[in-house]
Amino acid sequence: MARDLTRRGHHVVAVDVSAVLVRHAAESSTGETYILAAAAALPFAVAGFDLVVAYSSLMDIDGMSDALREVSRVLRPGGRLCICVTHPINDAGGFVDVTPMHRSSVAARTSAGKDSRRPTSGRA
């Protein structure tokens, strides 16, 4: 998810509680920053982010309400929270370009049953 958002022009700071996962992600970074931290104790300033994405993670966080309080703290006023909790069997793992130029071809492929992918996120 972090790399997809980076490719779309977002400045990405990714957080994980696993040192191994943070190390591996950082080794293959395409410009993202990876930080070892718990969601319930984010090491960021108040109102420091325009967008927070919790992608297939909230269901695995102990103290989910504490994590969501932290999200609220680090989001700027008017910022957005994008939550995706999906079963892995239904996760296409990427984005579909739905700009006006491509929207009709995506709709045609989808309605014809040839492409089951759906947009999983949009730019905030």
PDB file of N, CA and C in Angstrom:
ATOM      1  N   MET A   1       0.827  -1.179   0.000  1.00  0.00           N
ATOM      2  CA  MET A   1       0.000   0.000   0.000  1.00  0.00           C
ATOM      3  C   MET A   1       0.879   1.252   0.000  1.00  0.00           C
ATOM      4  N   ALA A   2       1.914   1.262   0.823  1.00  0.00           N
ATOM      5  CA  ALA A   2       2.775   2.434   0.918  1.00  0.00           C
ATOM      6  C   ALA A   2       3.408   2.769  -0.433  1.00  0.00           C
ATOM      7  N   ARG A   3       3.886   1.747  -1.128  1.00  0.00           N
ATOM      8  CA  ARG A   3       4.512   1.994  -2.438  1.00  0.00           C
ATOM      9  C   ARG A   3       3.494   2.484  -3.466  1.00  0.00           C
ATOM     10  N   ASP A   4       2.280   1.926  -3.442  1.00  0.00           N
ATOM     11  CA  ASP A   4       1.226   2.394  -4.348  1.00  0.00           C
ATOM     12  C   ASP A   4       0.930   3.871  -4.105  1.00  0.00           C
ATOM     13  N   LEU A   5       0.812   4.266  -2.862  1.00  0.00           N
ATOM     14  CA  LEU A   5       0.533   5.675  -2.545  1.00  0.00           C
ATOM     15  C   LEU A   5       1.694   6.577  -2.934  1.00  0.00           C
ATOM     16  N   THR A   6       2.921   6.105  -2.745  1.00  0.00           N
ATOM     17  CA  THR A   6       4.095   6.885  -3.155  1.00  0.00           C
ATOM     18  C   THR A   6       4.087   7.104  -4.656  1.00  0.00           C
ATOM     19  N   ARG A   7       3.795   6.043  -5.420  1.00  0.00           N
ATOM     20  CA  ARG A   7       3.744   6.170  -6.888  1.00  0.00           C
ATOM     21  C   ARG A   7       2.678   7.171  -7.333  1.00  0.00           C
ATOM     22  N   ARG A   8       1.675   7.380  -6.513  1.00  0.00           N
ATOM     23  CA  ARG A   8       0.598   8.314  -6.846  1.00  0.00           C
ATOM     24  C   ARG A   8       0.848   9.716  -6.304  1.00  0.00           C
ATOM     25  N   GLY A   9       2.063   9.959  -5.810  1.00  0.00           N
ATOM     26  CA  GLY A   9       2.452  11.305  -5.423  1.00  0.00           C
ATOM     27  C   GLY A   9       2.299  11.658  -3.962  1.00  0.00           C
ATOM     28  N   HIS A  10       1.908  10.707  -3.131  1.00  0.00           N
ATOM     29  CA  HIS A  10       1.788  10.974  -1.699  1.00  0.00           C
ATOM     30  C   HIS A  10       3.161  10.881  -1.036  1.00  0.00           C
ATOM     31  N   HIS A  11       3.390  11.695  -0.016  1.00  0.00           N
ATOM     32  CA  HIS A  11       4.554  11.562   0.857  1.00  0.00           C
ATOM     33  C   HIS A  11       4.130  10.586   1.943  1.00  0.00           C
ATOM     34  N   VAL A  12       4.744   9.412   1.995  1.00  0.00           N
ATOM     35  CA  VAL A  12       4.275   8.331   2.854  1.00  0.00           C
ATOM     36  C   VAL A  12       5.214   8.104   4.033  1.00  0.00           C
ATOM     37  N   VAL A  13       4.626   8.052   5.214  1.00  0.00           N
ATOM     38  CA  VAL A  13       5.306   7.627   6.427  1.00  0.00           C
ATOM     39  C   VAL A  13       4.534   6.414   6.929  1.00  0.00           C
ATOM     40  N   ALA A  14       5.179   5.261   6.927  1.00  0.00           N
ATOM     41  CA  ALA A  14       4.508   4.017   7.305  1.00  0.00           C
ATOM     42  C   ALA A  14       4.994   3.566   8.679  1.00  0.00           C
ATOM     43  N   VAL A  15       4.067   2.998   9.445  1.00  0.00           N
ATOM     44  CA  VAL A  15       4.356   2.572  10.811  1.00  0.00           C
ATOM     45  C   VAL A  15       4.009   1.100  10.963  1.00  0.00           C
ATOM     46  N   ASP A  16       4.867   0.380  11.668  1.00  0.00           N
ATOM     47  CA  ASP A  16       4.564  -1.000  12.027  1.00  0.00           C
ATOM     48  C   ASP A  16       5.216  -1.291  13.369  1.00  0.00           C
ATOM     49  N   VAL A  17       4.635  -2.226  14.085  1.00  0.00           N
ATOM     50  CA  VAL A  17       5.144  -2.603  15.400  1.00  0.00           C
ATOM     51  C   VAL A  17       6.214  -3.698  15.293  1.00  0.00           C
ATOM     52  N   SER A  18       6.376  -4.277  14.107  1.00  0.00           N
ATOM     53  CA  SER A  18       7.349  -5.342  13.888  1.00  0.00           C
ATOM     54  C   SER A  18       8.648  -4.778  13.326  1.00  0.00           C
ATOM     55  N   ALA A  19       9.738  -4.935  14.088  1.00  0.00           N
ATOM     56  CA  ALA A  19      11.046  -4.453  13.627  1.00  0.00           C
ATOM     57  C   ALA A  19      11.478  -5.165  12.352  1.00  0.00           C
ATOM     58  N   VAL A  20      11.166  -6.448  12.237  1.00  0.00           N
ATOM     59  CA  VAL A  20      11.532  -7.216  11.041  1.00  0.00           C
ATOM     60  C   VAL A  20      10.804  -6.657   9.817  1.00  0.00           C
ATOM     61  N   LEU A  21       9.501  -6.421   9.935  1.00  0.00           N
ATOM     62  CA  LEU A  21       8.742  -5.888   8.795  1.00  0.00           C
ATOM     63  C   LEU A  21       9.197  -4.479   8.433  1.00  0.00           C
ATOM     64  N   VAL A  22       9.469  -3.649   9.406  1.00  0.00           N
ATOM     65  CA  VAL A  22       9.954  -2.292   9.131  1.00  0.00           C
ATOM     66  C   VAL A  22      11.293  -2.350   8.402  1.00  0.00           C
ATOM     67  N   ARG A  23      12.187  -3.220   8.864  1.00  0.00           N
ATOM     68  CA  ARG A  23      13.505  -3.342   8.218  1.00  0.00           C
ATOM     69  C   ARG A  23      13.363  -3.801   6.761  1.00  0.00           C
ATOM     70  N   HIS A  24      12.554  -4.835   6.527  1.00  0.00           N
ATOM     71  CA  HIS A  24      12.383  -5.333   5.151  1.00  0.00           C
ATOM     72  C   HIS A  24      11.721  -4.285   4.258  1.00  0.00           C
ATOM     73  N   ALA A  25      10.725  -3.592   4.773  1.00  0.00           N
ATOM     74  CA  ALA A  25      10.065  -2.550   3.980  1.00  0.00           C
ATOM     75  C   ALA A  25      11.036  -1.428   3.649  1.00  0.00           C
ATOM     76  N   ALA A  26      11.832  -1.016   4.624  1.00  0.00           N
ATOM     77  CA  ALA A  26      12.790   0.068   4.396  1.00  0.00           C
ATOM     78  C   ALA A  26      13.843  -0.323   3.360  1.00  0.00           C
ATOM     79  N   GLU A  27      14.237  -1.590   3.365  1.00  0.00           N
ATOM     80  CA  GLU A  27      15.230  -2.069   2.395  1.00  0.00           C
ATOM     81  C   GLU A  27      14.724  -2.011   0.966  1.00  0.00           C
ATOM     82  N   SER A  28      13.429  -2.077   0.776  1.00  0.00           N
ATOM     83  CA  SER A  28      12.869  -2.028  -0.585  1.00  0.00           C
ATOM     84  C   SER A  28      12.069  -0.745  -0.819  1.00  0.00           C
ATOM     85  N   SER A  29      12.339   0.267  -0.031  1.00  0.00           N
ATOM     86  CA  SER A  29      11.604   1.532  -0.116  1.00  0.00           C
ATOM     87  C   SER A  29      11.771   2.186  -1.482  1.00  0.00           C
ATOM     88  N   THR A  30      10.695   2.809  -1.945  1.00  0.00           N
ATOM     89  CA  THR A  30      10.740   3.597  -3.178  1.00  0.00           C
ATOM     90  C   THR A  30      10.558   5.077  -2.849  1.00  0.00           C
ATOM     91  N   GLY A  31      10.900   5.442  -1.610  1.00  0.00           N
ATOM     92  CA  GLY A  31      10.789   6.829  -1.180  1.00  0.00           C
ATOM     93  C   GLY A  31       9.998   6.999   0.103  1.00  0.00           C
ATOM     94  N   GLU A  32       9.389   5.928   0.585  1.00  0.00           N
ATOM     95  CA  GLU A  32       8.615   5.980   1.815  1.00  0.00           C
ATOM     96  C   GLU A  32       9.571   6.007   3.017  1.00  0.00           C
ATOM     97  N   THR A  33       9.056   6.497   4.136  1.00  0.00           N
ATOM     98  CA  THR A  33       9.759   6.425   5.415  1.00  0.00           C
ATOM     99  C   THR A  33       9.056   5.383   6.257  1.00  0.00           C
ATOM    100  N   TYR A  34       9.819   4.470   6.831  1.00  0.00           N
ATOM    101  CA  TYR A  34       9.251   3.419   7.667  1.00  0.00           C
ATOM    102  C   TYR A  34       9.725   3.605   9.100  1.00  0.00           C
ATOM    103  N   ILE A  35       8.774   3.550  10.040  1.00  0.00           N
ATOM    104  CA  ILE A  35       9.057   3.818  11.446  1.00  0.00           C
ATOM    105  C   ILE A  35       8.514   2.688  12.311  1.00  0.00           C
ATOM    106  N   LEU A  36       9.326   2.267  13.274  1.00  0.00           N
ATOM    107  CA  LEU A  36       8.905   1.271  14.244  1.00  0.00           C
ATOM    108  C   LEU A  36       8.139   1.981  15.356  1.00  0.00           C
ATOM    109  N   ALA A  37       6.856   1.673  15.475  1.00  0.00           N
ATOM    110  CA  ALA A  37       6.024   2.309  16.500  1.00  0.00           C
ATOM    111  C   ALA A  37       4.719   1.548  16.641  1.00  0.00           C
ATOM    112  N   ALA A  38       4.100   1.705  17.803  1.00  0.00           N
ATOM    113  CA  ALA A  38       2.779   1.127  18.048  1.00  0.00           C
ATOM    114  C   ALA A  38       1.726   2.146  17.650  1.00  0.00           C
ATOM    115  N   ALA A  39       0.634   1.658  17.106  1.00  0.00           N
ATOM    116  CA  ALA A  39      -0.449   2.549  16.663  1.00  0.00           C
ATOM    117  C   ALA A  39      -1.056   3.322  17.820  1.00  0.00           C
ATOM    118  N   ALA A  40      -0.973   2.790  19.021  1.00  0.00           N
ATOM    119  CA  ALA A  40      -1.552   3.455  20.187  1.00  0.00           C
ATOM    120  C   ALA A  40      -0.616   4.492  20.796  1.00  0.00           C
ATOM    121  N   ALA A  41       0.585   4.644  20.224  1.00  0.00           N
ATOM    122  CA  ALA A  41       1.554   5.633  20.719  1.00  0.00           C
ATOM    123  C   ALA A  41       2.389   6.140  19.544  1.00  0.00           C
ATOM    124  N   LEU A  42       1.763   6.863  18.639  1.00  0.00           N
ATOM    125  CA  LEU A  42       2.439   7.339  17.435  1.00  0.00           C
ATOM    126  C   LEU A  42       3.437   8.450  17.773  1.00  0.00           C
ATOM    127  N   PRO A  43       4.636   8.378  17.219  1.00  0.00           N
ATOM    128  CA  PRO A  43       5.681   9.358  17.532  1.00  0.00           C
ATOM    129  C   PRO A  43       5.624  10.605  16.638  1.00  0.00           C
ATOM    130  N   PHE A  44       4.435  11.167  16.482  1.00  0.00           N
ATOM    131  CA  PHE A  44       4.254  12.298  15.584  1.00  0.00           C
ATOM    132  C   PHE A  44       3.593  13.458  16.311  1.00  0.00           C
ATOM    133  N   ALA A  45       3.795  14.637  15.778  1.00  0.00           N
ATOM    134  CA  ALA A  45       3.212  15.847  16.355  1.00  0.00           C
ATOM    135  C   ALA A  45       1.699  15.886  16.135  1.00  0.00           C
ATOM    136  N   VAL A  46       1.053  16.665  16.939  1.00  0.00           N
ATOM    137  CA  VAL A  46      -0.383  16.910  16.803  1.00  0.00           C
ATOM    138  C   VAL A  46      -0.644  17.545  15.441  1.00  0.00           C
ATOM    139  N   ALA A  47      -1.664  17.080  14.760  1.00  0.00           N
ATOM    140  CA  ALA A  47      -2.123  17.636  13.485  1.00  0.00           C
ATOM    141  C   ALA A  47      -1.026  17.659  12.417  1.00  0.00           C
ATOM    142  N   GLY A  48      -0.234  16.606  12.362  1.00  0.00           N
ATOM    143  CA  GLY A  48       0.865  16.558  11.413  1.00  0.00           C
ATOM    144  C   GLY A  48       0.561  15.891  10.083  1.00  0.00           C
ATOM    145  N   PHE A  49      -0.632  15.313   9.927  1.00  0.00           N
ATOM    146  CA  PHE A  49      -0.942  14.551   8.715  1.00  0.00           C
ATOM    147  C   PHE A  49      -2.279  14.969   8.120  1.00  0.00           C
ATOM    148  N   ASP A  50      -2.323  14.995   6.785  1.00  0.00           N
ATOM    149  CA  ASP A  50      -3.570  15.260   6.058  1.00  0.00           C
ATOM    150  C   ASP A  50      -4.400  13.995   5.901  1.00  0.00           C
ATOM    151  N   LEU A  51      -3.731  12.856   5.859  1.00  0.00           N
ATOM    152  CA  LEU A  51      -4.394  11.575   5.582  1.00  0.00           C
ATOM    153  C   LEU A  51      -3.726  10.487   6.403  1.00  0.00           C
ATOM    154  N   VAL A  52      -4.536   9.637   7.006  1.00  0.00           N
ATOM    155  CA  VAL A  52      -4.048   8.424   7.667  1.00  0.00           C
ATOM    156  C   VAL A  52      -4.770   7.252   7.019  1.00  0.00           C
ATOM    157  N   VAL A  53      -3.997   6.243   6.613  1.00  0.00           N
ATOM    158  CA  VAL A  53      -4.558   5.044   6.008  1.00  0.00           C
ATOM    159  C   VAL A  53      -4.262   3.862   6.925  1.00  0.00           C
ATOM    160  N   ALA A  54      -5.303   3.167   7.323  1.00  0.00           N
ATOM    161  CA  ALA A  54      -5.162   1.936   8.105  1.00  0.00           C
ATOM    162  C   ALA A  54      -5.603   0.806   7.181  1.00  0.00           C
ATOM    163  N   TYR A  55      -4.635   0.178   6.533  1.00  0.00           N
ATOM    164  CA  TYR A  55      -4.939  -0.816   5.513  1.00  0.00           C
ATOM    165  C   TYR A  55      -4.722  -2.220   6.066  1.00  0.00           C
ATOM    166  N   SER A  56      -5.810  -2.942   6.234  1.00  0.00           N
ATOM    167  CA  SER A  56      -5.773  -4.319   6.737  1.00  0.00           C
ATOM    168  C   SER A  56      -4.941  -4.435   8.011  1.00  0.00           C
ATOM    169  N   SER A  57      -5.178  -3.517   8.937  1.00  0.00           N
ATOM    170  CA  SER A  57      -4.390  -3.528  10.172  1.00  0.00           C
ATOM    171  C   SER A  57      -5.217  -3.376  11.441  1.00  0.00           C
ATOM    172  N   LEU A  58      -6.298  -2.619  11.401  1.00  0.00           N
ATOM    173  CA  LEU A  58      -7.036  -2.346  12.639  1.00  0.00           C
ATOM    174  C   LEU A  58      -7.501  -3.607  13.349  1.00  0.00           C
ATOM    175  N   MET A  59      -7.850  -4.629  12.610  1.00  0.00           N
ATOM    176  CA  MET A  59      -8.355  -5.850  13.232  1.00  0.00           C
ATOM    177  C   MET A  59      -7.271  -6.575  14.014  1.00  0.00           C
ATOM    178  N   ASP A  60      -6.004  -6.222  13.794  1.00  0.00           N
ATOM    179  CA  ASP A  60      -4.896  -6.882  14.483  1.00  0.00           C
ATOM    180  C   ASP A  60      -4.270  -6.025  15.583  1.00  0.00           C
ATOM    181  N   ILE A  61      -4.819  -4.868  15.861  1.00  0.00           N
ATOM    182  CA  ILE A  61      -4.238  -3.952  16.839  1.00  0.00           C
ATOM    183  C   ILE A  61      -4.910  -4.133  18.193  1.00  0.00           C
ATOM    184  N   ASP A  62      -4.102  -4.487  19.193  1.00  0.00           N
ATOM    185  CA  ASP A  62      -4.616  -4.502  20.558  1.00  0.00           C
ATOM    186  C   ASP A  62      -4.840  -3.049  20.962  1.00  0.00           C
ATOM    187  N   GLY A  63      -5.948  -2.753  21.586  1.00  0.00           N
ATOM    188  CA  GLY A  63      -6.241  -1.376  21.974  1.00  0.00           C
ATOM    189  C   GLY A  63      -6.633  -0.521  20.788  1.00  0.00           C
ATOM    190  N   MET A  64      -7.550  -1.036  19.980  1.00  0.00           N
ATOM    191  CA  MET A  64      -7.971  -0.313  18.779  1.00  0.00           C
ATOM    192  C   MET A  64      -8.472   1.092  19.110  1.00  0.00           C
ATOM    193  N   SER A  65      -9.201   1.255  20.197  1.00  0.00           N
ATOM    194  CA  SER A  65      -9.717   2.590  20.533  1.00  0.00           C
ATOM    195  C   SER A  65      -8.572   3.552  20.837  1.00  0.00           C
ATOM    196  N   ASP A  66      -7.493   3.067  21.466  1.00  0.00           N
ATOM    197  CA  ASP A  66      -6.316   3.923  21.700  1.00  0.00           C
ATOM    198  C   ASP A  66      -5.652   4.312  20.381  1.00  0.00           C
ATOM    199  N   ALA A  67      -5.588   3.362  19.458  1.00  0.00           N
ATOM    200  CA  ALA A  67      -5.004   3.643  18.141  1.00  0.00           C
ATOM    201  C   ALA A  67      -5.822   4.701  17.404  1.00  0.00           C
ATOM    202  N   LEU A  68      -7.136   4.589  17.474  1.00  0.00           N
ATOM    203  CA  LEU A  68      -7.986   5.576  16.794  1.00  0.00           C
ATOM    204  C   LEU A  68      -7.895   6.943  17.456  1.00  0.00           C
ATOM    205  N   ARG A  69      -7.696   6.983  18.774  1.00  0.00           N
ATOM    206  CA  ARG A  69      -7.456   8.279  19.440  1.00  0.00           C
ATOM    207  C   ARG A  69      -6.161   8.907  18.931  1.00  0.00           C
ATOM    208  N   GLU A  70      -5.149   8.085  18.721  1.00  0.00           N
ATOM    209  CA  GLU A  70      -3.886   8.594  18.190  1.00  0.00           C
ATOM    210  C   GLU A  70      -4.056   9.112  16.763  1.00  0.00           C
ATOM    211  N   VAL A  71      -4.818   8.404  15.967  1.00  0.00           N
ATOM    212  CA  VAL A  71      -5.114   8.873  14.608  1.00  0.00           C
ATOM    213  C   VAL A  71      -5.767  10.248  14.673  1.00  0.00           C
ATOM    214  N   SER A  72      -6.725  10.388  15.541  1.00  0.00           N
ATOM    215  CA  SER A  72      -7.413  11.670  15.705  1.00  0.00           C
ATOM    216  C   SER A  72      -6.431  12.768  16.115  1.00  0.00           C
ATOM    217  N   ARG A  73      -5.499  12.430  16.963  1.00  0.00           N
ATOM    218  CA  ARG A  73      -4.511  13.409  17.436  1.00  0.00           C
ATOM    219  C   ARG A  73      -3.570  13.868  16.320  1.00  0.00           C
ATOM    220  N   VAL A  74      -3.124  12.931  15.463  1.00  0.00           N
ATOM    221  CA  VAL A  74      -2.133  13.302  14.445  1.00  0.00           C
ATOM    222  C   VAL A  74      -2.754  13.858  13.167  1.00  0.00           C
ATOM    223  N   LEU A  75      -4.074  13.688  12.977  1.00  0.00           N
ATOM    224  CA  LEU A  75      -4.729  14.259  11.800  1.00  0.00           C
ATOM    225  C   LEU A  75      -4.960  15.754  11.984  1.00  0.00           C
ATOM    226  N   ARG A  76      -4.704  16.508  10.941  1.00  0.00           N
ATOM    227  CA  ARG A  76      -5.011  17.939  10.983  1.00  0.00           C
ATOM    228  C   ARG A  76      -6.526  18.105  10.952  1.00  0.00           C
ATOM    229  N   PRO A  77      -7.042  19.240  11.409  1.00  0.00           N
ATOM    230  CA  PRO A  77      -8.491  19.483  11.281  1.00  0.00           C
ATOM    231  C   PRO A  77      -8.901  19.367   9.809  1.00  0.00           C
ATOM    232  N   GLY A  78      -9.929  18.608   9.562  1.00  0.00           N
ATOM    233  CA  GLY A  78     -10.379  18.376   8.194  1.00  0.00           C
ATOM    234  C   GLY A  78      -9.629  17.257   7.490  1.00  0.00           C
ATOM    235  N   GLY A  79      -8.657  16.636   8.180  1.00  0.00           N
ATOM    236  CA  GLY A  79      -7.911  15.530   7.597  1.00  0.00           C
ATOM    237  C   GLY A  79      -8.809  14.316   7.416  1.00  0.00           C
ATOM    238  N   ARG A  80      -8.292  13.325   6.717  1.00  0.00           N
ATOM    239  CA  ARG A  80      -9.106  12.147   6.397  1.00  0.00           C
ATOM    240  C   ARG A  80      -8.475  10.873   6.918  1.00  0.00           C
ATOM    241  N   LEU A  81      -9.351   9.975   7.331  1.00  0.00           N
ATOM    242  CA  LEU A  81      -8.948   8.637   7.746  1.00  0.00           C
ATOM    243  C   LEU A  81      -9.548   7.656   6.753  1.00  0.00           C
ATOM    244  N   CYS A  82      -8.710   6.822   6.174  1.00  0.00           N
ATOM    245  CA  CYS A  82      -9.155   5.783   5.245  1.00  0.00           C
ATOM    246  C   CYS A  82      -8.888   4.441   5.907  1.00  0.00           C
ATOM    247  N   ILE A  83      -9.948   3.679   6.139  1.00  0.00           N
ATOM    248  CA  ILE A  83      -9.823   2.369   6.771  1.00  0.00           C
ATOM    249  C   ILE A  83     -10.240   1.298   5.772  1.00  0.00           C
ATOM    250  N   CYS A  84      -9.396   0.299   5.632  1.00  0.00           N
ATOM    251  CA  CYS A  84      -9.737  -0.864   4.817  1.00  0.00           C
ATOM    252  C   CYS A  84      -9.517  -2.107   5.668  1.00  0.00           C
ATOM    253  N   VAL A  85     -10.583  -2.819   5.934  1.00  0.00           N
ATOM    254  CA  VAL A  85     -10.493  -4.109   6.610  1.00  0.00           C
ATOM    255  C   VAL A  85     -11.196  -5.089   5.686  1.00  0.00           C
ATOM    256  N   THR A  86     -10.404  -5.867   4.984  1.00  0.00           N
ATOM    257  CA  THR A  86     -10.947  -6.775   3.993  1.00  0.00           C
ATOM    258  C   THR A  86     -10.381  -8.168   4.203  1.00  0.00           C
ATOM    259  N   HIS A  87     -11.100  -9.151   3.783  1.00  0.00           N
ATOM    260  CA  HIS A  87     -10.583 -10.517   3.841  1.00  0.00           C
ATOM    261  C   HIS A  87      -9.567 -10.678   2.721  1.00  0.00           C
ATOM    262  N   PRO A  88      -8.436 -11.309   2.996  1.00  0.00           N
ATOM    263  CA  PRO A  88      -7.390 -11.436   1.962  1.00  0.00           C
ATOM    264  C   PRO A  88      -7.865 -12.053   0.655  1.00  0.00           C
ATOM    265  N   ILE A  89      -8.863 -12.914   0.688  1.00  0.00           N
ATOM    266  CA  ILE A  89      -9.334 -13.537  -0.546  1.00  0.00           C
ATOM    267  C   ILE A  89     -10.010 -12.516  -1.475  1.00  0.00           C
ATOM    268  N   ASN A  90     -10.502 -11.413  -0.899  1.00  0.00           N
ATOM    269  CA  ASN A  90     -11.189 -10.396  -1.696  1.00  0.00           C
ATOM    270  C   ASN A  90     -10.311  -9.192  -2.029  1.00  0.00           C
ATOM    271  N   ASP A  91      -9.074  -9.193  -1.603  1.00  0.00           N
ATOM    272  CA  ASP A  91      -8.200  -8.043  -1.770  1.00  0.00           C
ATOM    273  C   ASP A  91      -7.415  -8.167  -3.072  1.00  0.00           C
ATOM    274  N   ALA A  92      -7.682  -7.260  -3.994  1.00  0.00           N
ATOM    275  CA  ALA A  92      -6.977  -7.279  -5.275  1.00  0.00           C
ATOM    276  C   ALA A  92      -5.538  -6.814  -5.134  1.00  0.00           C
ATOM    277  N   GLY A  93      -5.231  -6.073  -4.057  1.00  0.00           N
ATOM    278  CA  GLY A  93      -3.862  -5.679  -3.798  1.00  0.00           C
ATOM    279  C   GLY A  93      -3.356  -4.507  -4.594  1.00  0.00           C
ATOM    280  N   GLY A  94      -4.211  -3.702  -5.182  1.00  0.00           N
ATOM    281  CA  GLY A  94      -3.735  -2.573  -5.953  1.00  0.00           C
ATOM    282  C   GLY A  94      -4.844  -1.623  -6.307  1.00  0.00           C
ATOM    283  N   PHE A  95      -4.517  -0.690  -7.168  1.00  0.00           N
ATOM    284  CA  PHE A  95      -5.445   0.346  -7.586  1.00  0.00           C
ATOM    285  C   PHE A  95      -5.856   0.130  -9.034  1.00  0.00           C
ATOM    286  N   VAL A  96      -6.998   0.643  -9.379  1.00  0.00           N
ATOM    287  CA  VAL A  96      -7.448   0.692 -10.762  1.00  0.00           C
ATOM    288  C   VAL A  96      -7.539   2.158 -11.123  1.00  0.00           C
ATOM    289  N   ASP A  97      -7.019   2.527 -12.270  1.00  0.00           N
ATOM    290  CA  ASP A  97      -7.082   3.914 -12.700  1.00  0.00           C
ATOM    291  C   ASP A  97      -8.515   4.242 -13.124  1.00  0.00           C
ATOM    292  N   VAL A  98      -9.169   5.125 -12.385  1.00  0.00           N
ATOM    293  CA  VAL A  98     -10.544   5.495 -12.705  1.00  0.00           C
ATOM    294  C   VAL A  98     -10.646   6.976 -13.072  1.00  0.00           C
ATOM    295  N   THR A  99      -9.573   7.489 -13.663  1.00  0.00           N
ATOM    296  CA  THR A  99      -9.650   8.841 -14.182  1.00  0.00           C
ATOM    297  C   THR A  99     -10.689   8.858 -15.293  1.00  0.00           C
ATOM    298  N   PRO A 100     -11.261  10.006 -15.631  1.00  0.00           N
ATOM    299  CA  PRO A 100     -12.322  10.042 -16.653  1.00  0.00           C
ATOM    300  C   PRO A 100     -11.947   9.316 -17.937  1.00  0.00           C
ATOM    301  N   MET A 101     -10.695   9.379 -18.326  1.00  0.00           N
ATOM    302  CA  MET A 101     -10.264   8.752 -19.568  1.00  0.00           C
ATOM    303  C   MET A 101     -10.388   7.227 -19.493  1.00  0.00           C
ATOM    304  N   HIS A 102     -10.195   6.643 -18.312  1.00  0.00           N
ATOM    305  CA  HIS A 102     -10.191   5.192 -18.167  1.00  0.00           C
ATOM    306  C   HIS A 102     -11.468   4.643 -17.554  1.00  0.00           C
ATOM    307  N   ARG A 103     -12.306   5.501 -17.025  1.00  0.00           N
ATOM    308  CA  ARG A 103     -13.487   5.049 -16.280  1.00  0.00           C
ATOM    309  C   ARG A 103     -14.380   4.142 -17.124  1.00  0.00           C
ATOM    310  N   SER A 104     -14.635   4.498 -18.368  1.00  0.00           N
ATOM    311  CA  SER A 104     -15.545   3.689 -19.178  1.00  0.00           C
ATOM    312  C   SER A 104     -14.958   2.325 -19.497  1.00  0.00           C
ATOM    313  N   SER A 105     -13.651   2.241 -19.729  1.00  0.00           N
ATOM    314  CA  SER A 105     -13.065   0.936 -20.032  1.00  0.00           C
ATOM    315  C   SER A 105     -13.052   0.046 -18.794  1.00  0.00           C
ATOM    316  N   VAL A 106     -12.815   0.629 -17.602  1.00  0.00           N
ATOM    317  CA  VAL A 106     -12.864  -0.153 -16.364  1.00  0.00           C
ATOM    318  C   VAL A 106     -14.285  -0.655 -16.143  1.00  0.00           C
ATOM    319  N   ALA A 107     -15.272   0.209 -16.324  1.00  0.00           N
ATOM    320  CA  ALA A 107     -16.668  -0.186 -16.133  1.00  0.00           C
ATOM    321  C   ALA A 107     -17.053  -1.276 -17.122  1.00  0.00           C
ATOM    322  N   ALA A 108     -16.597  -1.176 -18.343  1.00  0.00           N
ATOM    323  CA  ALA A 108     -16.930  -2.170 -19.354  1.00  0.00           C
ATOM    324  C   ALA A 108     -16.328  -3.527 -19.002  1.00  0.00           C
ATOM    325  N   ARG A 109     -15.054  -3.530 -18.584  1.00  0.00           N
ATOM    326  CA  ARG A 109     -14.415  -4.798 -18.216  1.00  0.00           C
ATOM    327  C   ARG A 109     -15.109  -5.405 -17.003  1.00  0.00           C
ATOM    328  N   THR A 110     -15.450  -4.552 -16.025  1.00  0.00           N
ATOM    329  CA  THR A 110     -16.072  -5.038 -14.795  1.00  0.00           C
ATOM    330  C   THR A 110     -17.454  -5.595 -15.073  1.00  0.00           C
ATOM    331  N   SER A 111     -18.269  -4.876 -15.839  1.00  0.00           N
ATOM    332  CA  SER A 111     -19.630  -5.340 -16.102  1.00  0.00           C
ATOM    333  C   SER A 111     -19.640  -6.587 -16.980  1.00  0.00           C
ATOM    334  N   ALA A 112     -18.608  -6.757 -17.768  1.00  0.00           N
ATOM    335  CA  ALA A 112     -18.528  -7.942 -18.621  1.00  0.00           C
ATOM    336  C   ALA A 112     -17.982  -9.144 -17.856  1.00  0.00           C
ATOM    337  N   GLY A 113     -17.591  -8.906 -16.580  1.00  0.00           N
ATOM    338  CA  GLY A 113     -17.082  -9.994 -15.760  1.00  0.00           C
ATOM    339  C   GLY A 113     -15.651 -10.368 -16.067  1.00  0.00           C
ATOM    340  N   LYS A 114     -14.948  -9.541 -16.836  1.00  0.00           N
ATOM    341  CA  LYS A 114     -13.579  -9.850 -17.214  1.00  0.00           C
ATOM    342  C   LYS A 114     -12.560  -9.303 -16.224  1.00  0.00           C
ATOM    343  N   ASP A 115     -12.976  -8.415 -15.342  1.00  0.00           N
ATOM    344  CA  ASP A 115     -12.032  -7.789 -14.421  1.00  0.00           C
ATOM    345  C   ASP A 115     -12.747  -7.556 -13.101  1.00  0.00           C
ATOM    346  N   SER A 116     -12.405  -8.294 -12.077  1.00  0.00           N
ATOM    347  CA  SER A 116     -13.079  -8.152 -10.799  1.00  0.00           C
ATOM    348  C   SER A 116     -12.429  -7.112  -9.892  1.00  0.00           C
ATOM    349  N   ARG A 117     -11.361  -6.447 -10.369  1.00  0.00           N
ATOM    350  CA  ARG A 117     -10.707  -5.452  -9.526  1.00  0.00           C
ATOM    351  C   ARG A 117     -11.595  -4.237  -9.322  1.00  0.00           C
ATOM    352  N   ARG A 118     -11.503  -3.662  -8.157  1.00  0.00           N
ATOM    353  CA  ARG A 118     -12.221  -2.437  -7.816  1.00  0.00           C
ATOM    354  C   ARG A 118     -11.228  -1.432  -7.253  1.00  0.00           C
ATOM    355  N   PRO A 119     -11.505  -0.152  -7.365  1.00  0.00           N
ATOM    356  CA  PRO A 119     -10.616   0.829  -6.728  1.00  0.00           C
ATOM    357  C   PRO A 119     -10.572   0.550  -5.231  1.00  0.00           C
ATOM    358  N   THR A 120      -9.354   0.527  -4.667  1.00  0.00           N
ATOM    359  CA  THR A 120      -9.225   0.282  -3.243  1.00  0.00           C
ATOM    360  C   THR A 120      -8.944   1.551  -2.471  1.00  0.00           C
ATOM    361  N   SER A 121      -8.670   2.632  -3.179  1.00  0.00           N
ATOM    362  CA  SER A 121      -8.424   3.894  -2.496  1.00  0.00           C
ATOM    363  C   SER A 121      -8.390   4.987  -3.533  1.00  0.00           C
ATOM    364  N   GLY A 122      -8.582   6.190  -3.092  1.00  0.00           N
ATOM    365  CA  GLY A 122      -8.438   7.347  -3.965  1.00  0.00           C
ATOM    366  C   GLY A 122      -7.554   8.354  -3.310  1.00  0.00           C
ATOM    367  N   ARG A 123      -7.132   9.319  -4.037  1.00  0.00           N
ATOM    368  CA  ARG A 123      -6.316  10.380  -3.453  1.00  0.00           C
ATOM    369  C   ARG A 123      -7.180  11.255  -2.590  1.00  0.00           C
ATOM    370  N   ALA A 124      -6.646  11.616  -1.457  1.00  0.00           N
ATOM    371  CA  ALA A 124      -7.376  12.514  -0.545  1.00  0.00           C
ATOM    372  C   ALA A 124      -6.986  13.939  -0.816  1.00  0.00           C
TER     373      ALA A 124
END
